[in-house]
Amino acid sequence: MTALTLNASRKTKKTAIGEIPVDWEFRRLEELVQLNPRREKQLSDNKVVSFVPMASVTEDGKLVDVHSVPFKKVANGFTYFQNGDVLVAKITPCFENGKGTLVQGMIGGIGFGSTEFHVIRPSSKIHTQFLFYHTVSHRFRARGVSSMTGSAGQKRLPAEYISAYHIALPPLPEQRGIVDVLEAWDRAIERGEKLLAAKQQLKQGLMQGLLTGKTRFKQFRTEKWKVYRLSDLLERVFRPVTLSNETPLDLISIRRRAGGLFFRGSVTAREFMTVDLNRIEAGDFLVSKRQVTHGALAMVRKDFEGMHVSNEYVIFRCRASDKLHLPFFDWLSRSPRMWHMAYLASNGVHIEKLIFDADDFLKEKISLPPSLVEQQKIVEVLEASDAEIRLLERELAVLHDQKRGLMQKLLTGKVRVRG
């Protein structure tokens, strides 16, 4: 295989989309593709074909969960496509979120899918994958959003937008070189995603085992876990603040599904228009009264020391530091079982209108390792797993940013691929 190198473009010419290399063409997509082609032939009713619902297309261009169905089920009223076609979602927010894919692996080379797809079939003048990278580029999506028509909730991308879209078209060998470079980034991203998924699965297994006592450290296996009422471990605290109009307030909230605390912003008491606030301290355990059944509860870390919450939050403090290592309880709170306990301690007629009752919650019981050392070791293992996952997430984010930046330069000729 010929080695590929990247070079900055030198000789350029001006076009409506900016300067492009002099040896590239400036073309409308309608000159290079066939848009929403008709089915070429009728199939027998029982012929098995591939079917692609919108849900089978991910926001990063992957095609998953392709269904096999008899032709008679999709013969009428569905979008037709074949291997090598590019699908682009028509509707918002699917289009805005980047839903689109390159069609590959269809049974017999053809498939059917949601009518909310535009189908773009490349001619011999444009490399299929090169076309796909254009359709997922920031420029194509951003301009498409401004071209969508219809009512606010049901806007659609018109076919005319795709037909009239201009691209800078390099010679086919350079198109293939650009695809090779971007596919290398895609492979690196895919490897990172697989590793991240494996680490997340491992973390879930560790939580399931370590937080229930099914998995024990060797030195603690002979010690049985003990059952405690929460009121023996936690107590509710109040730290009301006295406000003047110009009192500065740093406000925090809790994300659902154990997403932790986050900083909402700084305001003055005059701007916030309330006088019922509490100050929080590191080591508090915070519960959102209205969102706790969705996993909105977490321990307060040092980063949030001295910030404020409204009376929509309940503040607990550990009252038995000889029995409970609060970071262990914080990990317990990330489990569906704890969310169910919070649900049982909430009152209301509908899950979205339930209000958490702190007194009822403190009547619940939990099991704990009898040794604080075991609780601490469990926390160390889980936090190490969490740190590894956060590192992988940051590395993936960097890869995505690098690919986006490189794609923009490659597709406009600012950086050239040389064989």
Protein backbone atom coordinates (compact mmCIF):
# COMPACT_ATOMS: atom_id res chain seq x y z
CA MET A 1 0.00 0.00 0.00
CA THR A 2 1.27 3.46 -0.90
CA ALA A 3 2.11 5.57 2.12
CA LEU A 4 -0.06 8.68 2.52
CA THR A 5 1.21 12.09 3.58
CA LEU A 6 -0.66 15.28 4.40
CA ASN A 7 0.40 18.63 2.96
CA ALA A 8 -1.02 22.14 3.07
CA SER A 9 -2.56 23.16 -0.23
CA ARG A 10 -0.64 25.83 -2.18
CA LYS A 11 -2.22 26.96 -5.47
CA THR A 12 -5.90 27.77 -4.98
CA LYS A 13 -8.87 29.36 -6.75
CA LYS A 14 -11.82 31.30 -5.36
CA THR A 15 -15.30 29.74 -5.21
CA ALA A 16 -18.59 30.45 -3.47
CA ILE A 17 -17.51 28.20 -0.59
CA GLY A 18 -14.02 29.69 -0.30
CA GLU A 19 -10.65 28.96 -1.83
CA ILE A 20 -10.05 25.41 -3.06
CA PRO A 21 -7.10 23.76 -4.85
CA VAL A 22 -6.81 24.71 -8.52
CA ASP A 23 -7.00 21.06 -9.62
CA TRP A 24 -10.28 20.46 -7.75
CA GLU A 25 -13.72 21.00 -9.26
CA PHE A 26 -16.53 23.10 -7.79
CA ARG A 27 -19.72 21.07 -8.29
CA ARG A 28 -23.36 20.83 -7.23
CA LEU A 29 -24.34 17.47 -5.76
CA GLU A 30 -27.08 17.02 -8.37
CA GLU A 31 -24.29 16.76 -10.96
CA LEU A 32 -22.68 13.89 -9.07
CA VAL A 33 -25.51 11.85 -7.53
CA GLN A 34 -28.98 10.48 -8.06
CA LEU A 35 -31.41 11.59 -5.35
CA ASN A 36 -34.19 9.35 -4.02
CA PRO A 37 -34.06 6.84 -6.90
CA ARG A 38 -37.06 4.66 -7.68
CA ARG A 39 -37.07 0.90 -7.18
CA GLU A 40 -35.69 -0.82 -10.24
CA LYS A 41 -37.73 -4.02 -10.18
CA GLN A 42 -40.57 -5.82 -8.47
CA LEU A 43 -39.68 -8.72 -6.19
CA SER A 44 -41.72 -11.75 -5.20
CA ASP A 45 -43.83 -11.23 -2.07
CA ASN A 46 -41.91 -13.78 0.02
CA LYS A 47 -38.46 -12.61 -1.06
CA VAL A 48 -36.51 -11.72 2.10
CA VAL A 49 -35.07 -8.19 2.13
CA SER A 50 -33.36 -5.90 4.62
CA PHE A 51 -35.34 -3.25 6.49
CA VAL A 52 -33.74 -0.24 8.23
CA PRO A 53 -35.91 1.75 10.69
CA MET A 54 -34.72 5.18 11.80
CA ALA A 55 -33.79 3.73 15.20
CA SER A 56 -31.23 1.45 13.53
CA VAL A 57 -29.10 4.44 12.49
CA THR A 58 -26.91 5.91 15.21
CA GLU A 59 -25.84 9.53 15.49
CA ASP A 60 -22.28 8.64 14.50
CA GLY A 61 -23.24 7.04 11.21
CA LYS A 62 -23.38 3.39 12.24
CA LEU A 63 -26.02 0.99 10.97
CA VAL A 64 -27.24 -1.47 13.62
CA ASP A 65 -30.11 -3.93 14.06
CA VAL A 66 -31.01 -4.33 10.39
CA HIS A 67 -34.19 -6.43 10.14
CA SER A 68 -34.93 -9.21 7.64
CA VAL A 69 -38.55 -9.10 6.40
CA PRO A 70 -40.60 -10.46 3.47
CA PHE A 71 -40.76 -8.04 0.53
CA LYS A 72 -44.56 -7.88 0.75
CA LYS A 73 -44.25 -6.02 4.09
CA VAL A 74 -42.22 -3.17 2.58
CA ALA A 75 -43.31 -3.22 -1.08
CA ASN A 76 -45.37 -0.06 -0.67
CA GLY A 77 -44.80 3.12 1.28
CA PHE A 78 -41.15 2.59 2.23
CA THR A 79 -37.89 4.09 1.04
CA TYR A 80 -35.82 1.97 -1.33
CA PHE A 81 -32.00 1.90 -1.42
CA GLN A 82 -29.07 -0.34 -2.27
CA ASN A 83 -25.51 -1.02 -1.14
CA GLY A 84 -23.35 2.06 -1.63
CA ASP A 85 -26.20 4.55 -1.15
CA VAL A 86 -26.00 7.22 1.55
CA LEU A 87 -28.99 7.78 3.84
CA VAL A 88 -29.66 11.21 5.35
CA ALA A 89 -32.45 11.78 7.90
CA LYS A 90 -35.04 14.30 6.73
CA ILE A 91 -36.66 15.31 9.99
CA THR A 92 -35.53 17.40 12.89
CA PRO A 93 -34.05 16.55 15.40
CA CYS A 94 -32.73 13.41 13.64
CA PHE A 95 -31.01 15.50 10.97
CA GLU A 96 -29.64 17.98 13.51
CA ASN A 97 -28.21 15.11 15.56
CA GLY A 98 -26.33 13.77 12.54
CA LYS A 99 -28.40 10.68 11.76
CA GLY A 100 -27.28 9.24 8.46
CA THR A 101 -25.34 6.23 7.25
CA LEU A 102 -23.60 4.52 4.38
CA VAL A 103 -25.64 1.50 3.27
CA GLN A 104 -23.69 -1.75 3.32
CA GLY A 105 -24.48 -5.43 3.76
CA MET A 106 -28.08 -5.42 2.56
CA ILE A 107 -29.56 -8.83 1.63
CA GLY A 108 -29.17 -9.17 -2.12
CA GLY A 109 -27.66 -5.69 -2.20
CA ILE A 110 -30.97 -3.88 -1.65
CA GLY A 111 -32.95 -2.66 1.33
CA PHE A 112 -35.95 -0.65 2.48
CA GLY A 113 -36.40 1.75 5.32
CA SER A 114 -38.09 4.70 6.92
CA THR A 115 -39.69 7.21 4.58
CA GLU A 116 -37.93 9.87 6.67
CA PHE A 117 -34.64 9.11 4.88
CA HIS A 118 -33.33 10.85 1.80
CA VAL A 119 -31.39 8.40 -0.40
CA ILE A 120 -28.31 9.70 -2.22
CA ARG A 121 -26.79 7.39 -4.86
CA PRO A 122 -23.29 8.41 -5.98
CA SER A 123 -22.20 8.32 -9.62
CA SER A 124 -18.82 7.07 -10.77
CA LYS A 125 -17.45 10.61 -10.33
CA ILE A 126 -17.58 10.59 -6.53
CA HIS A 127 -16.31 8.02 -4.05
CA THR A 128 -19.17 6.66 -1.90
CA GLN A 129 -17.39 7.15 1.42
CA PHE A 130 -16.15 10.59 0.36
CA LEU A 131 -19.80 11.54 -0.27
CA PHE A 132 -20.82 10.14 3.13
CA TYR A 133 -18.19 12.21 4.96
CA HIS A 134 -19.61 15.32 3.28
CA THR A 135 -23.13 14.51 4.51
CA VAL A 136 -21.97 14.23 8.14
CA SER A 137 -19.76 17.33 7.99
CA HIS A 138 -20.58 20.38 10.12
CA ARG A 139 -21.07 22.56 7.04
CA PHE A 140 -23.62 20.22 5.43
CA ARG A 141 -25.62 19.85 8.67
CA ALA A 142 -25.49 23.50 9.77
CA ARG A 143 -26.64 24.83 6.40
CA GLY A 144 -29.26 22.09 6.17
CA VAL A 145 -30.85 23.10 9.48
CA SER A 146 -31.37 26.65 8.18
CA SER A 147 -32.97 25.22 4.99
CA MET A 148 -35.52 22.99 6.72
CA THR A 149 -39.19 23.69 6.04
CA GLY A 150 -42.47 22.94 7.82
CA SER A 151 -43.94 23.55 11.26
CA ALA A 152 -41.69 23.96 14.28
CA GLY A 153 -42.10 20.38 15.51
CA GLN A 154 -42.07 18.66 12.12
CA LYS A 155 -39.48 20.45 10.01
CA ARG A 156 -37.97 18.49 7.12
CA LEU A 157 -34.91 18.79 4.94
CA PRO A 158 -36.05 19.44 1.34
CA ALA A 159 -34.51 17.35 -1.44
CA GLU A 160 -33.68 20.61 -3.21
CA TYR A 161 -31.15 21.45 -0.49
CA ILE A 162 -29.16 18.30 -1.25
CA SER A 163 -29.39 18.83 -5.02
CA ALA A 164 -28.12 22.40 -4.80
CA TYR A 165 -25.41 21.72 -2.22
CA HIS A 166 -21.93 22.64 -3.50
CA ILE A 167 -18.80 20.64 -2.75
CA ALA A 168 -15.14 20.87 -3.63
CA LEU A 169 -14.40 17.72 -5.64
CA PRO A 170 -10.84 16.38 -5.84
CA PRO A 171 -9.73 13.77 -8.41
CA LEU A 172 -10.86 10.23 -7.52
CA PRO A 173 -7.39 9.05 -6.34
CA GLU A 174 -7.28 11.92 -3.86
CA GLN A 175 -10.87 11.20 -2.78
CA ARG A 176 -9.76 7.65 -1.94
CA GLY A 177 -6.75 9.01 -0.05
CA ILE A 178 -8.97 11.34 2.00
CA VAL A 179 -11.26 8.41 2.79
CA ASP A 180 -8.26 6.32 3.91
CA VAL A 181 -7.16 9.03 6.35
CA LEU A 182 -10.62 9.58 7.84
CA GLU A 183 -11.30 5.85 8.06
CA ALA A 184 -8.09 5.50 10.10
CA TRP A 185 -9.57 7.98 12.60
CA ASP A 186 -12.87 6.08 12.53
CA ARG A 187 -11.07 2.82 13.34
CA ALA A 188 -9.25 4.46 16.26
CA ILE A 189 -12.57 5.86 17.54
CA GLU A 190 -14.25 2.47 17.17
CA ARG A 191 -11.46 0.76 19.13
CA GLY A 192 -11.79 3.40 21.83
CA GLU A 193 -15.57 2.96 21.98
CA LYS A 194 -15.24 -0.81 22.31
CA LEU A 195 -12.68 -0.46 25.09
CA LEU A 196 -14.87 2.11 26.86
CA ALA A 197 -17.93 -0.16 26.60
CA ALA A 198 -15.90 -3.06 28.04
CA LYS A 199 -14.68 -0.92 30.96
CA GLN A 200 -18.21 0.32 31.64
CA GLN A 201 -19.49 -3.25 31.66
CA LEU A 202 -16.68 -4.24 34.02
CA LYS A 203 -17.59 -1.36 36.34
CA GLN A 204 -21.23 -2.47 36.40
CA GLY A 205 -20.13 -5.98 37.31
CA LEU A 206 -17.89 -4.66 40.08
CA MET A 207 -20.72 -2.54 41.48
CA GLN A 208 -23.15 -5.45 41.38
CA GLY A 209 -20.72 -7.72 43.19
CA LEU A 210 -18.98 -5.39 45.65
CA LEU A 211 -22.01 -3.35 46.72
CA THR A 212 -24.14 -6.41 47.48
CA GLY A 213 -21.53 -8.59 49.19
CA LYS A 214 -21.56 -11.19 46.41
CA THR A 215 -17.91 -10.35 45.75
CA ARG A 216 -15.67 -10.06 48.82
CA PHE A 217 -12.04 -9.33 49.47
CA LYS A 218 -10.34 -12.44 50.84
CA GLN A 219 -9.53 -10.96 54.26
CA PHE A 220 -13.17 -10.04 54.94
CA ARG A 221 -15.00 -13.15 53.74
CA THR A 222 -15.70 -14.48 57.23
CA GLU A 223 -17.42 -11.24 58.35
CA LYS A 224 -21.14 -11.05 57.65
CA TRP A 225 -22.68 -7.80 56.48
CA LYS A 226 -24.88 -5.99 59.00
CA VAL A 227 -28.32 -4.47 58.51
CA TYR A 228 -28.88 -0.87 59.67
CA ARG A 229 -31.84 1.47 59.60
CA LEU A 230 -30.88 4.62 57.70
CA SER A 231 -31.90 6.76 60.67
CA ASP A 232 -29.04 5.12 62.61
CA LEU A 233 -26.57 6.21 59.93
CA LEU A 234 -27.86 9.54 58.60
CA GLU A 235 -29.49 12.66 59.99
CA ARG A 236 -31.15 15.53 58.20
CA VAL A 237 -29.50 18.94 58.58
CA PHE A 238 -30.53 22.52 57.76
CA ARG A 239 -28.18 25.44 57.14
CA PRO A 240 -30.41 28.37 56.21
CA VAL A 241 -28.63 31.46 54.96
CA THR A 242 -29.52 35.07 55.75
CA LEU A 243 -29.80 37.02 52.54
CA SER A 244 -29.58 40.62 51.51
CA ASN A 245 -30.35 41.72 47.97
CA GLU A 246 -26.70 41.66 46.95
CA THR A 247 -25.74 38.41 48.69
CA PRO A 248 -23.79 36.32 46.12
CA LEU A 249 -25.14 32.82 45.60
CA ASP A 250 -23.42 29.88 43.93
CA LEU A 251 -26.21 27.47 42.98
CA ILE A 252 -25.94 23.73 42.28
CA SER A 253 -28.23 20.99 40.99
CA ILE A 254 -28.06 17.20 40.62
CA ARG A 255 -28.24 15.33 37.33
CA ARG A 256 -30.51 12.32 36.93
CA ARG A 257 -29.25 8.73 36.75
CA ALA A 258 -26.40 9.25 39.22
CA GLY A 259 -24.90 12.00 37.09
CA GLY A 260 -23.66 13.88 40.14
CA LEU A 261 -23.72 17.53 41.15
CA PHE A 262 -23.12 20.40 38.75
CA PHE A 263 -22.68 24.15 39.12
CA ARG A 264 -25.73 26.10 37.85
CA GLY A 265 -24.18 29.55 38.06
CA SER A 266 -23.72 32.55 40.33
CA VAL A 267 -26.50 35.07 41.01
CA THR A 268 -27.41 37.60 43.65
CA ALA A 269 -30.31 37.09 46.05
CA ARG A 270 -32.19 39.86 44.23
CA GLU A 271 -31.87 37.96 40.91
CA PHE A 272 -32.80 34.57 42.39
CA MET A 273 -36.05 35.89 43.91
CA THR A 274 -36.16 33.50 46.87
CA VAL A 275 -35.16 33.63 50.53
CA ASP A 276 -35.35 29.90 51.34
CA LEU A 277 -31.84 28.61 50.71
CA ASN A 278 -29.42 26.28 52.51
CA ARG A 279 -25.64 26.20 52.43
CA ILE A 280 -24.00 22.84 51.70
CA GLU A 281 -20.70 21.44 52.94
CA ALA A 282 -18.32 18.76 51.73
CA GLY A 283 -19.46 15.41 53.12
CA ASP A 284 -23.16 16.23 52.92
CA PHE A 285 -25.45 13.84 51.07
CA LEU A 286 -27.89 15.70 48.86
CA VAL A 287 -31.27 14.50 47.54
CA SER A 288 -33.50 16.22 44.99
CA LYS A 289 -37.07 15.94 46.33
CA ARG A 290 -38.67 15.79 42.87
CA GLN A 291 -36.01 13.93 40.87
CA VAL A 292 -34.68 11.36 43.35
CA THR A 293 -36.71 8.52 41.82
CA HIS A 294 -34.71 9.17 38.62
CA GLY A 295 -31.39 8.85 40.44
CA ALA A 296 -30.81 12.50 41.42
CA LEU A 297 -28.92 12.05 44.69
CA ALA A 298 -25.21 12.36 45.47
CA MET A 299 -22.54 13.17 48.02
CA VAL A 300 -21.16 16.71 48.09
CA ARG A 301 -17.46 16.89 47.17
CA LYS A 302 -15.00 19.63 48.18
CA ASP A 303 -15.50 21.45 44.87
CA PHE A 304 -19.03 22.41 45.99
CA GLU A 305 -18.19 23.46 49.57
CA GLY A 306 -20.16 26.52 50.64
CA MET A 307 -22.54 26.60 47.68
CA HIS A 308 -26.32 26.79 47.97
CA VAL A 309 -29.47 24.79 47.29
CA SER A 310 -33.14 25.64 47.54
CA ASN A 311 -35.68 23.84 49.71
CA GLU A 312 -36.24 21.48 46.76
CA TYR A 313 -33.26 19.54 48.17
CA VAL A 314 -32.82 17.51 51.35
CA ILE A 315 -29.42 17.56 53.07
CA PHE A 316 -28.27 14.51 55.07
CA ARG A 317 -25.13 14.13 57.15
CA CYS A 318 -23.45 10.96 58.44
CA ARG A 319 -24.19 10.47 62.14
CA ALA A 320 -22.32 7.17 62.59
CA SER A 321 -18.82 7.56 61.16
CA ASP A 322 -17.77 4.38 62.98
CA LYS A 323 -20.28 2.35 60.93
CA LEU A 324 -20.59 4.16 57.60
CA HIS A 325 -17.96 5.47 55.19
CA LEU A 326 -20.08 8.05 53.36
CA PRO A 327 -18.34 7.61 49.96
CA PHE A 328 -19.47 3.95 50.18
CA PHE A 329 -23.05 5.13 50.68
CA ASP A 330 -22.57 7.46 47.70
CA TRP A 331 -21.75 4.43 45.55
CA LEU A 332 -24.74 2.56 46.96
CA SER A 333 -26.93 5.51 45.95
CA ARG A 334 -26.04 4.92 42.27
CA SER A 335 -27.85 1.60 42.23
CA PRO A 336 -31.44 1.05 41.01
CA ARG A 337 -32.21 -0.51 44.42
CA MET A 338 -31.52 2.80 46.18
CA TRP A 339 -33.66 4.67 43.63
CA HIS A 340 -36.46 2.21 44.38
CA MET A 341 -36.10 2.90 48.10
CA ALA A 342 -36.38 6.62 47.32
CA TYR A 343 -39.49 5.88 45.24
CA LEU A 344 -41.09 4.03 48.17
CA ALA A 345 -40.32 7.04 50.39
CA SER A 346 -42.02 9.49 48.00
CA ASN A 347 -45.63 10.60 47.92
CA GLY A 348 -47.80 11.59 44.95
CA VAL A 349 -50.17 10.35 42.26
CA HIS A 350 -47.71 10.18 39.35
CA ILE A 351 -43.97 9.40 39.14
CA GLU A 352 -43.22 12.86 37.70
CA LYS A 353 -45.09 14.50 40.63
CA LEU A 354 -43.72 12.46 43.52
CA ILE A 355 -42.22 14.37 46.45
CA PHE A 356 -39.48 12.74 48.52
CA ASP A 357 -40.21 12.34 52.25
CA ALA A 358 -36.99 12.38 54.26
CA ASP A 359 -38.58 10.85 57.37
CA ASP A 360 -39.94 7.88 55.41
CA PHE A 361 -36.57 7.39 53.72
CA LEU A 362 -34.76 7.23 57.06
CA LYS A 363 -37.01 4.31 58.07
CA GLU A 364 -35.56 2.15 55.25
CA LYS A 365 -32.82 -0.42 55.92
CA ILE A 366 -29.55 -1.22 54.13
CA SER A 367 -26.78 -3.80 54.52
CA LEU A 368 -23.19 -2.70 55.08
CA PRO A 369 -19.82 -4.40 55.44
CA PRO A 370 -19.12 -4.35 59.18
CA SER A 371 -15.59 -3.09 58.62
CA LEU A 372 -14.93 0.50 57.53
CA VAL A 373 -11.73 -0.78 55.95
CA GLU A 374 -13.74 -3.04 53.62
CA GLN A 375 -16.05 -0.16 52.72
CA GLN A 376 -13.00 2.00 51.95
CA LYS A 377 -11.38 -0.70 49.79
CA ILE A 378 -14.61 -1.12 47.81
CA VAL A 379 -14.68 2.64 47.20
CA GLU A 380 -11.03 2.60 46.08
CA VAL A 381 -11.71 -0.14 43.51
CA LEU A 382 -14.82 1.54 42.13
CA GLU A 383 -13.25 5.00 41.99
CA ALA A 384 -10.22 3.58 40.16
CA SER A 385 -12.59 2.02 37.63
CA ASP A 386 -14.46 5.33 37.32
CA ALA A 387 -11.22 7.27 36.79
CA GLU A 388 -10.18 4.89 34.03
CA ILE A 389 -13.54 5.38 32.30
CA ARG A 390 -13.28 9.18 32.54
CA LEU A 391 -9.81 9.03 30.99
CA LEU A 392 -11.08 6.91 28.10
CA GLU A 393 -13.99 9.32 27.61
CA ARG A 394 -11.58 12.26 27.41
CA GLU A 395 -9.36 10.41 24.93
CA LEU A 396 -12.40 9.62 22.77
CA ALA A 397 -13.52 13.24 22.87
CA VAL A 398 -10.06 14.29 21.66
CA LEU A 399 -10.22 11.78 18.80
CA HIS A 400 -13.65 13.07 17.76
CA ASP A 401 -12.40 16.67 17.85
CA GLN A 402 -9.31 15.78 15.84
CA LYS A 403 -11.39 13.98 13.23
CA ARG A 404 -13.84 16.87 12.89
CA GLY A 405 -11.03 19.38 12.45
CA LEU A 406 -9.13 17.19 10.00
CA MET A 407 -12.29 16.37 8.04
CA GLN A 408 -13.06 20.06 7.55
CA LYS A 409 -9.56 20.69 6.20
CA LEU A 410 -9.47 17.60 3.99
CA LEU A 411 -12.90 18.16 2.44
CA THR A 412 -12.05 21.75 1.51
CA GLY A 413 -8.54 21.07 0.27
CA LYS A 414 -6.81 23.13 2.96
CA VAL A 415 -4.84 19.97 3.69
CA ARG A 416 -4.00 17.65 0.79
CA VAL A 417 -3.44 13.91 0.72
CA ARG A 418 -0.49 12.84 -1.39
CA GLY A 419 0.19 9.22 -2.38
